[in-house]
């Protein structure tokens, strides 16, 4: 038993010695092996176009609540909600039998007066062609001729003074009847104008039985059905023009000086994420709102396909005139946690975490307004291992390209 322990103990000592010598032979890791390899890029100073970020709502270029102008029963409704109409297309038809009768009656009255005035076949008014005037004129001429003949006979002492006076009275009466006929004819001309006005009014009422679209657009709503009775002022349909669309934007007071008519506006709507629609400023309010201290600006955006709808909420960028210098880094170099933006900047062989303030976004670049200076190297490939103060080995990446000016 003792002999057996005599051989085991040296063996254990030998094994421990070998293990210790093997551990001492393993080389210690170098500083380069423990450093984190990262890709860096310089903070670039570039001129960029500035934009004002505002919000607004899309509205129709024109919107009309079309109403009936005559009373009657609806007999046809050829449009539905969403129907595209041209200017003058019929929206609803009102029964026209009564107005047709009124037109016929007014035309007959006017024609009767025209015939009495001798204005058949479109001839212009001439009092001397009026039948009553013609008859009284003939009687007056005859009385004048008789009076002239009797005056000669009186001078020759052939007739008595009484006969002469009677002839004078007859001639004077004929003249007065002639003048009265002319005056009556003039009054009839005024009556004819009134009759023609009634024809015009009745004709308009007949035309108004067909309620038409005031402009080209879409029917947003039809408010009546066949069989409904309408009166003047009853709304029958709503028509909107959706190409182009208006967008009303509210611009803060500090940006009023940089907004001008014709400036481009980039619009985005939630219905089409990632898409940008180009509008242009058309109207600028002459005064700021007293409550919001902001200026109302209206832009127009083309909508030939009808993709954009009135009522869409839009975010907009209004381009300012000229360009200004900005510090730009790729967007992937910036992380935001709980609303705070951070970047990692190369400091010797370490990474230094900095809190930054972001500005304008231009394509895949982000403007940094505080926290960095031009030429500093920022880390691109951030990951969970990248922490403040970690040792790094950096390899370069191209500087951010110049931000293009938008047209």
Protein backbone atom coordinates (compact mmCIF):
# COMPACT_ATOMS: atom_id res chain seq x y z
CA UNK A 1 0.00 0.00 0.00
CA UNK A 2 2.78 2.44 0.87
CA UNK A 3 4.66 1.50 -2.26
CA UNK A 4 1.58 2.38 -4.31
CA UNK A 5 1.40 5.92 -2.80
CA UNK A 6 5.10 6.30 -3.41
CA UNK A 7 4.52 6.11 -7.17
CA UNK A 8 1.22 8.14 -7.35
CA UNK A 9 2.38 11.30 -5.61
CA UNK A 10 5.35 11.96 -7.94
CA UNK A 11 3.07 11.42 -10.88
CA UNK A 12 0.64 14.03 -9.65
CA UNK A 13 3.47 16.50 -9.03
CA UNK A 14 4.75 15.91 -12.54
CA UNK A 15 1.35 16.55 -14.06
CA UNK A 16 0.93 19.79 -12.12
CA UNK A 17 4.36 20.93 -13.24
CA UNK A 18 3.51 20.24 -16.91
CA UNK A 19 0.21 22.12 -16.63
CA UNK A 20 1.88 25.16 -15.14
CA UNK A 21 4.57 25.20 -17.77
CA UNK A 22 1.92 24.91 -20.55
CA UNK A 23 -0.05 27.88 -19.21
CA UNK A 24 2.98 30.05 -19.13
CA UNK A 25 3.70 29.25 -22.77
CA UNK A 26 0.31 30.73 -24.07
CA UNK A 27 0.95 34.29 -25.52
CA UNK A 28 -1.02 37.25 -23.99
CA UNK A 29 -3.59 39.00 -26.32
CA UNK A 30 -2.47 42.30 -27.94
CA UNK A 31 -4.26 45.71 -27.79
CA UNK A 32 -5.15 45.43 -31.50
CA UNK A 33 -6.91 42.12 -30.89
CA UNK A 34 -9.22 43.66 -28.24
CA UNK A 35 -10.11 46.84 -30.29
CA UNK A 36 -13.47 46.97 -32.16
CA UNK A 37 -13.18 47.37 -35.93
CA UNK A 38 -15.54 50.10 -37.27
CA UNK A 39 -16.15 52.09 -40.44
CA UNK A 40 -15.97 55.86 -40.11
CA UNK A 41 -16.75 58.83 -42.33
CA UNK A 42 -15.96 62.53 -41.94
CA UNK A 43 -18.55 65.16 -41.05
CA UNK A 44 -18.95 67.09 -44.30
CA UNK A 45 -19.80 70.76 -44.68
CA UNK A 46 -21.99 71.18 -47.74
CA UNK A 47 -24.43 73.81 -49.08
CA UNK A 48 -28.05 72.59 -48.98
CA UNK A 49 -31.42 73.98 -49.92
CA UNK A 50 -33.46 74.90 -46.87
CA UNK A 51 -37.08 73.90 -46.37
CA UNK A 52 -39.86 74.99 -44.06
CA UNK A 53 -41.78 72.03 -42.68
CA UNK A 54 -45.48 72.73 -42.29
CA UNK A 55 -48.76 70.82 -42.39
CA UNK A 56 -52.05 71.38 -44.15
CA UNK A 57 -55.17 69.84 -45.63
CA UNK A 58 -56.01 69.19 -49.26
CA UNK A 59 -59.19 70.84 -50.52
CA UNK A 60 -60.97 70.92 -53.87
CA UNK A 61 -60.01 73.62 -56.35
CA UNK A 62 -63.70 74.48 -56.65
CA UNK A 63 -66.74 73.14 -54.81
CA UNK A 64 -70.33 74.09 -55.62
CA UNK A 65 -73.56 73.10 -53.93
CA UNK A 66 -75.78 73.21 -57.00
CA UNK A 67 -79.40 74.20 -56.33
CA UNK A 68 -82.62 74.20 -58.35
CA UNK A 69 -83.82 77.57 -59.67
CA UNK A 70 -87.39 76.54 -60.49
CA UNK A 71 -90.04 74.53 -58.68
CA UNK A 72 -91.05 71.11 -59.94
CA UNK A 73 -90.80 67.37 -59.56
CA UNK A 74 -87.56 65.52 -60.29
CA UNK A 75 -88.00 63.20 -63.29
CA UNK A 76 -84.39 62.12 -63.97
CA UNK A 77 -81.08 61.83 -62.08
CA UNK A 78 -78.42 60.71 -64.57
CA UNK A 79 -75.45 61.11 -62.15
CA UNK A 80 -74.28 59.31 -59.04
CA UNK A 81 -71.62 60.00 -56.44
CA UNK A 82 -68.24 59.91 -58.15
CA UNK A 83 -69.58 60.56 -61.66
CA UNK A 84 -67.20 62.68 -63.74
CA UNK A 85 -69.01 65.55 -65.44
CA UNK A 86 -68.09 68.27 -67.89
CA UNK A 87 -69.27 71.85 -67.59
CA UNK A 88 -72.91 71.95 -68.70
CA UNK A 89 -73.66 68.25 -68.16
CA UNK A 90 -77.09 67.61 -66.67
CA UNK A 91 -77.18 66.68 -62.98
CA UNK A 92 -80.95 66.34 -62.51
CA UNK A 93 -84.02 66.99 -64.70
CA UNK A 94 -87.12 68.76 -63.39
CA UNK A 95 -90.51 68.24 -65.06
CA UNK A 96 -90.81 70.88 -67.81
CA UNK A 97 -94.44 70.69 -68.97
CA UNK A 98 -95.62 73.76 -67.02
CA UNK A 99 -92.69 75.91 -68.08
CA UNK A 100 -93.09 74.81 -71.71
CA UNK A 101 -96.70 76.03 -71.58
CA UNK A 102 -95.57 79.33 -70.06
CA UNK A 103 -93.06 79.79 -72.87
CA UNK A 104 -95.71 79.12 -75.51
CA UNK A 105 -98.15 81.58 -73.87
CA UNK A 106 -95.52 84.31 -73.61
CA UNK A 107 -94.47 83.83 -77.22
CA UNK A 108 -98.10 84.02 -78.40
CA UNK A 109 -98.70 87.27 -76.51
CA UNK A 110 -95.56 88.81 -77.98
CA UNK A 111 -96.53 87.69 -81.49
CA UNK A 112 -100.00 89.21 -81.10
CA UNK A 113 -98.56 92.58 -80.14
CA UNK A 114 -96.06 92.43 -82.98
CA UNK A 115 -98.86 91.77 -85.47
CA UNK A 116 -100.85 94.70 -84.09
CA UNK A 117 -97.82 96.91 -84.62
CA UNK A 118 -97.17 95.67 -88.14
CA UNK A 119 -93.91 93.99 -87.12
CA UNK A 120 -94.55 90.59 -88.67
CA UNK A 121 -91.62 88.59 -90.02
CA UNK A 122 -89.14 90.40 -87.80
CA UNK A 123 -89.63 93.88 -89.31
CA UNK A 124 -88.49 96.84 -87.16
CA UNK A 125 -91.03 99.14 -85.58
CA UNK A 126 -92.35 101.97 -87.77
CA UNK A 127 -95.35 103.89 -86.44
CA UNK A 128 -96.51 104.72 -89.96
CA UNK A 129 -97.00 101.01 -90.71
CA UNK A 130 -99.29 100.41 -87.72
CA UNK A 131 -102.82 99.73 -89.10
CA UNK A 132 -104.61 102.14 -86.74
CA UNK A 133 -102.08 104.83 -87.53
CA UNK A 134 -102.48 104.18 -91.27
CA UNK A 135 -106.28 104.51 -91.04
CA UNK A 136 -106.26 107.66 -88.92
CA UNK A 137 -103.58 109.16 -91.15
CA UNK A 138 -105.78 108.58 -94.21
CA UNK A 139 -108.78 110.18 -92.49
CA UNK A 140 -106.65 113.12 -91.43
CA UNK A 141 -105.31 113.62 -94.96
CA UNK A 142 -108.86 113.56 -96.35
CA UNK A 143 -110.09 116.08 -93.76
CA UNK A 144 -107.15 118.33 -94.54
CA UNK A 145 -107.91 118.21 -98.26
CA UNK A 146 -111.60 119.03 -97.66
CA UNK A 147 -110.65 121.89 -95.39
CA UNK A 148 -108.28 123.33 -97.97
CA UNK A 149 -110.95 123.14 -100.70
CA UNK A 150 -113.63 124.76 -98.53
CA UNK A 151 -111.25 127.53 -97.58
CA UNK A 152 -110.93 128.41 -101.27
CA UNK A 153 -114.71 128.36 -101.71
CA UNK A 154 -115.11 130.58 -98.66
CA UNK A 155 -112.75 133.09 -100.21
CA UNK A 156 -114.92 133.05 -103.32
CA UNK A 157 -118.06 133.54 -101.22
CA UNK A 158 -119.44 130.23 -102.49
CA UNK A 159 -120.01 128.61 -99.04
CA UNK A 160 -121.06 129.96 -95.72
CA UNK A 161 -118.83 130.55 -92.73
CA UNK A 162 -120.61 127.74 -90.87
CA UNK A 163 -119.63 125.16 -93.47
CA UNK A 164 -116.06 126.36 -93.31
CA UNK A 165 -115.95 126.11 -89.49
CA UNK A 166 -117.41 122.62 -89.65
CA UNK A 167 -114.68 121.55 -92.09
CA UNK A 168 -112.00 123.02 -89.82
CA UNK A 169 -113.37 121.12 -86.82
CA UNK A 170 -113.42 117.85 -88.79
CA UNK A 171 -109.79 118.35 -89.88
CA UNK A 172 -108.68 119.11 -86.31
CA UNK A 173 -110.48 116.03 -84.97
CA UNK A 174 -108.83 113.85 -87.61
CA UNK A 175 -105.42 115.24 -86.66
CA UNK A 176 -105.98 114.46 -82.98
CA UNK A 177 -107.11 110.90 -83.80
CA UNK A 178 -103.97 110.46 -85.87
CA UNK A 179 -101.73 111.69 -83.04
CA UNK A 180 -103.53 109.45 -80.56
CA UNK A 181 -103.01 106.43 -82.82
CA UNK A 182 -99.29 107.20 -82.96
CA UNK A 183 -99.11 107.52 -79.16
CA UNK A 184 -101.01 104.26 -78.74
CA UNK A 185 -98.59 102.55 -81.08
CA UNK A 186 -95.65 103.83 -78.98
CA UNK A 187 -97.30 102.43 -75.86
CA UNK A 188 -97.78 99.11 -77.59
CA UNK A 189 -94.03 99.03 -78.29
CA UNK A 190 -93.41 99.20 -74.54
CA UNK A 191 -95.96 96.42 -74.04
CA UNK A 192 -94.13 94.38 -76.66
CA UNK A 193 -90.85 94.79 -74.77
CA UNK A 194 -92.56 93.55 -71.61
CA UNK A 195 -93.99 90.59 -73.52
CA UNK A 196 -90.58 89.74 -74.91
CA UNK A 197 -89.13 89.95 -71.39
CA UNK A 198 -91.76 87.42 -70.28
CA UNK A 199 -90.68 85.18 -73.14
CA UNK A 200 -87.07 85.44 -71.98
CA UNK A 201 -87.99 84.71 -68.39
CA UNK A 202 -90.15 81.74 -69.35
CA UNK A 203 -87.41 80.42 -71.64
CA UNK A 204 -84.88 80.67 -68.81
CA UNK A 205 -87.24 78.84 -66.49
CA UNK A 206 -87.55 76.11 -69.11
CA UNK A 207 -83.77 75.87 -69.41
CA UNK A 208 -83.45 75.79 -65.62
CA UNK A 209 -85.52 72.61 -65.45
CA UNK A 210 -82.29 70.92 -66.49
CA UNK A 211 -79.90 71.52 -63.56
CA UNK A 212 -76.37 71.46 -64.99
CA UNK A 213 -72.82 71.21 -63.70
CA UNK A 214 -71.23 74.68 -63.36
CA UNK A 215 -67.75 73.34 -64.16
CA UNK A 216 -65.92 70.13 -65.00
CA UNK A 217 -65.30 67.88 -62.02
CA UNK A 218 -66.75 65.04 -59.97
CA UNK A 219 -70.12 64.66 -58.33
CA UNK A 220 -69.34 64.48 -54.62
CA UNK A 221 -72.96 63.95 -53.60
CA UNK A 222 -76.44 63.74 -55.15
CA UNK A 223 -79.05 65.08 -52.75
CA UNK A 224 -82.37 64.32 -54.53
CA UNK A 225 -84.06 61.35 -56.15
CA UNK A 226 -86.68 60.86 -58.85
CA UNK A 227 -90.07 61.91 -57.49
CA UNK A 228 -88.77 64.54 -55.08
CA UNK A 229 -90.39 67.97 -55.35
CA UNK A 230 -87.95 70.84 -55.29
CA UNK A 231 -88.37 74.58 -54.95
CA UNK A 232 -85.97 77.39 -55.91
CA UNK A 233 -82.91 77.09 -53.68
CA UNK A 234 -83.23 73.36 -53.00
CA UNK A 235 -79.74 71.77 -53.18
CA UNK A 236 -79.65 68.88 -55.63
CA UNK A 237 -75.95 67.97 -55.93
CA UNK A 238 -72.42 68.86 -54.86
CA UNK A 239 -69.79 69.15 -57.59
CA UNK A 240 -66.06 69.44 -56.90
CA UNK A 241 -63.08 70.14 -59.11
CA UNK A 242 -60.16 67.95 -58.01
CA UNK A 243 -57.54 68.79 -60.62
CA UNK A 244 -55.69 70.70 -59.40
CA UNK A 245 -56.17 70.53 -55.65
CA UNK A 246 -55.50 73.29 -53.15
CA UNK A 247 -53.50 72.76 -49.97
CA UNK A 248 -53.80 75.33 -47.21
CA UNK A 249 -50.61 75.64 -45.16
CA UNK A 250 -49.88 77.58 -41.98
CA UNK A 251 -46.41 79.18 -41.99
CA UNK A 252 -44.94 80.45 -38.68
CA UNK A 253 -44.20 84.17 -38.45
CA UNK A 254 -40.41 83.77 -38.48
CA UNK A 255 -40.51 82.20 -41.95
CA UNK A 256 -42.81 84.74 -43.61
CA UNK A 257 -39.93 86.55 -45.33
CA UNK A 258 -38.72 83.43 -47.16
CA UNK A 259 -42.07 82.37 -48.62
CA UNK A 260 -43.00 83.66 -52.06
CA UNK A 261 -45.47 82.99 -54.83
CA UNK A 262 -44.21 80.27 -57.16
CA UNK A 263 -41.96 78.56 -54.59
CA UNK A 264 -41.99 74.75 -54.93
CA UNK A 265 -43.65 72.69 -52.22
CA UNK A 266 -43.01 68.97 -51.63
CA UNK A 267 -46.11 67.21 -50.29
CA UNK A 268 -46.47 63.83 -48.63
CA UNK A 269 -49.70 62.14 -47.55
CA UNK A 270 -50.27 59.09 -45.38
CA UNK A 271 -52.22 57.33 -48.14
CA UNK A 272 -49.07 57.03 -50.29
CA UNK A 273 -46.08 56.55 -47.98
CA UNK A 274 -42.73 57.26 -49.57
CA UNK A 275 -44.21 59.29 -52.44
CA UNK A 276 -43.72 63.01 -52.90
CA UNK A 277 -46.10 65.27 -54.84
CA UNK A 278 -44.90 68.63 -56.14
CA UNK A 279 -47.00 71.73 -55.61
CA UNK A 280 -46.34 75.45 -56.00
CA UNK A 281 -47.31 78.40 -53.83
CA UNK A 282 -50.10 80.36 -55.53
CA UNK A 283 -51.69 82.56 -52.87
CA UNK A 284 -50.30 84.23 -49.75
CA UNK A 285 -52.57 85.78 -47.14
CA UNK A 286 -52.04 89.55 -46.83
CA UNK A 287 -52.08 89.38 -43.02
CA UNK A 288 -51.10 87.06 -40.18
CA UNK A 289 -53.67 85.39 -37.98
CA UNK A 290 -54.04 87.35 -34.75
CA UNK A 291 -54.49 84.14 -32.72
CA UNK A 292 -51.76 81.89 -34.16
CA UNK A 293 -49.31 84.57 -35.34
CA UNK A 294 -48.97 82.56 -38.54
CA UNK A 295 -49.47 83.20 -42.23
CA UNK A 296 -51.90 81.21 -44.35
CA UNK A 297 -50.28 80.08 -47.61
CA UNK A 298 -52.13 78.23 -50.34
CA UNK A 299 -50.40 75.96 -52.83
CA UNK A 300 -51.81 74.01 -55.76
CA UNK A 301 -50.88 70.48 -56.77
CA UNK A 302 -51.72 68.78 -60.06
CA UNK A 303 -53.98 65.75 -59.69
CA UNK A 304 -54.64 64.38 -63.20
CA UNK A 305 -55.20 60.80 -62.04
CA UNK A 306 -57.36 61.70 -59.05
CA UNK A 307 -55.10 59.86 -56.60
CA UNK A 308 -55.17 62.74 -54.14
CA UNK A 309 -58.49 63.32 -52.41
CA UNK A 310 -59.90 66.46 -50.78
CA UNK A 311 -59.53 66.11 -47.03
CA UNK A 312 -56.14 64.34 -47.07
CA UNK A 313 -53.80 65.58 -44.35
CA UNK A 314 -50.48 66.60 -45.89
CA UNK A 315 -47.02 67.37 -44.58
CA UNK A 316 -45.19 69.87 -46.73
CA UNK A 317 -41.74 71.27 -47.26
CA UNK A 318 -41.57 74.76 -48.76
CA UNK A 319 -38.21 75.44 -50.36
CA UNK A 320 -36.52 78.66 -49.30
CA UNK A 321 -34.60 80.84 -51.71
CA UNK A 322 -30.82 80.21 -51.92
CA UNK A 323 -28.66 77.64 -50.10
CA UNK A 324 -26.83 77.64 -46.77
CA UNK A 325 -23.94 75.65 -45.29
CA UNK A 326 -24.75 72.53 -43.26
CA UNK A 327 -22.83 69.73 -41.48
CA UNK A 328 -23.99 66.42 -42.94
CA UNK A 329 -23.52 62.80 -41.91
CA UNK A 330 -25.17 59.62 -43.18
CA UNK A 331 -28.45 58.87 -41.41
CA UNK A 332 -27.17 55.48 -40.18
CA UNK A 333 -24.47 57.26 -38.13
CA UNK A 334 -27.18 58.75 -35.89
CA UNK A 335 -29.18 56.80 -33.32
CA UNK A 336 -32.12 58.22 -31.43
CA UNK A 337 -33.13 56.87 -28.04
CA UNK A 338 -36.03 58.41 -26.10
CA UNK A 339 -35.94 61.45 -28.35
CA UNK A 340 -32.22 62.08 -27.90
CA UNK A 341 -29.94 61.80 -30.94
CA UNK A 342 -26.39 60.45 -30.50
CA UNK A 343 -23.34 59.80 -32.64
CA UNK A 344 -19.97 58.19 -31.92
CA UNK A 345 -16.94 60.32 -32.81
CA UNK A 346 -13.39 58.98 -33.18
CA UNK A 347 -11.09 60.32 -30.44
CA UNK A 348 -7.62 58.85 -30.93
CA UNK A 349 -8.09 55.10 -30.61
CA UNK A 350 -11.37 55.38 -28.71
CA UNK A 351 -15.03 56.05 -29.60
CA UNK A 352 -16.62 59.00 -27.89
CA UNK A 353 -20.42 59.18 -27.62
CA UNK A 354 -21.93 62.64 -28.18
CA UNK A 355 -25.43 64.03 -27.94
CA UNK A 356 -26.27 65.99 -31.08
CA UNK A 357 -29.09 68.11 -32.42
CA UNK A 358 -30.40 67.10 -35.83
CA UNK A 359 -31.64 69.51 -38.46
CA UNK A 360 -32.83 68.98 -42.00
CA UNK A 361 -32.95 65.58 -43.69
CA UNK A 362 -31.67 65.52 -47.27
CA UNK A 363 -32.11 62.17 -49.00
CA UNK A 364 -30.06 59.69 -46.85
CA UNK A 365 -28.12 62.44 -45.05
CA UNK A 366 -28.90 64.18 -41.76
CA UNK A 367 -27.85 67.68 -40.78
CA UNK A 368 -26.22 68.02 -37.34
CA UNK A 369 -26.59 71.50 -35.90
CA UNK A 370 -24.76 70.88 -32.61
CA UNK A 371 -22.34 68.34 -31.16
CA UNK A 372 -19.81 67.93 -33.98
CA UNK A 373 -17.51 70.01 -36.15
CA UNK A 374 -16.60 69.70 -39.82
CA UNK A 375 -13.95 67.05 -40.53
CA UNK A 376 -14.50 64.96 -37.39
CA UNK A 377 -14.86 61.22 -38.00
CA UNK A 378 -18.15 59.58 -37.00
CA UNK A 379 -18.79 55.83 -36.77
CA UNK A 380 -21.17 54.40 -39.34
CA UNK A 381 -21.70 50.76 -38.32
CA UNK A 382 -23.13 51.13 -34.83
CA UNK A 383 -23.97 47.97 -32.92
CA UNK A 384 -24.53 46.72 -29.38
CA UNK A 385 -20.76 46.40 -28.79
CA UNK A 386 -20.15 50.10 -29.56
CA UNK A 387 -20.16 51.99 -26.28
CA UNK A 388 -18.61 55.20 -25.04
CA UNK A 389 -14.84 54.87 -24.53
CA UNK A 390 -14.37 51.53 -26.30
CA UNK A 391 -11.09 51.01 -28.14
CA UNK A 392 -11.58 50.96 -31.91
CA UNK A 393 -9.70 50.48 -35.13
CA UNK A 394 -11.20 52.60 -37.90
CA UNK A 395 -11.36 52.25 -41.65
CA UNK A 396 -12.51 55.14 -43.78
CA UNK A 397 -15.66 55.64 -45.84
CA UNK A 398 -16.31 58.34 -48.47
CA UNK A 399 -17.46 61.72 -47.23
CA UNK A 400 -21.16 62.49 -47.76
CA UNK A 401 -21.83 63.77 -51.26
CA UNK A 402 -23.03 67.32 -51.76
CA UNK A 403 -26.78 67.60 -51.24
CA UNK A 404 -28.46 68.36 -54.59
CA UNK A 405 -30.55 71.50 -54.90
CA UNK A 406 -34.17 70.64 -55.60
CA UNK A 407 -35.87 72.27 -58.50
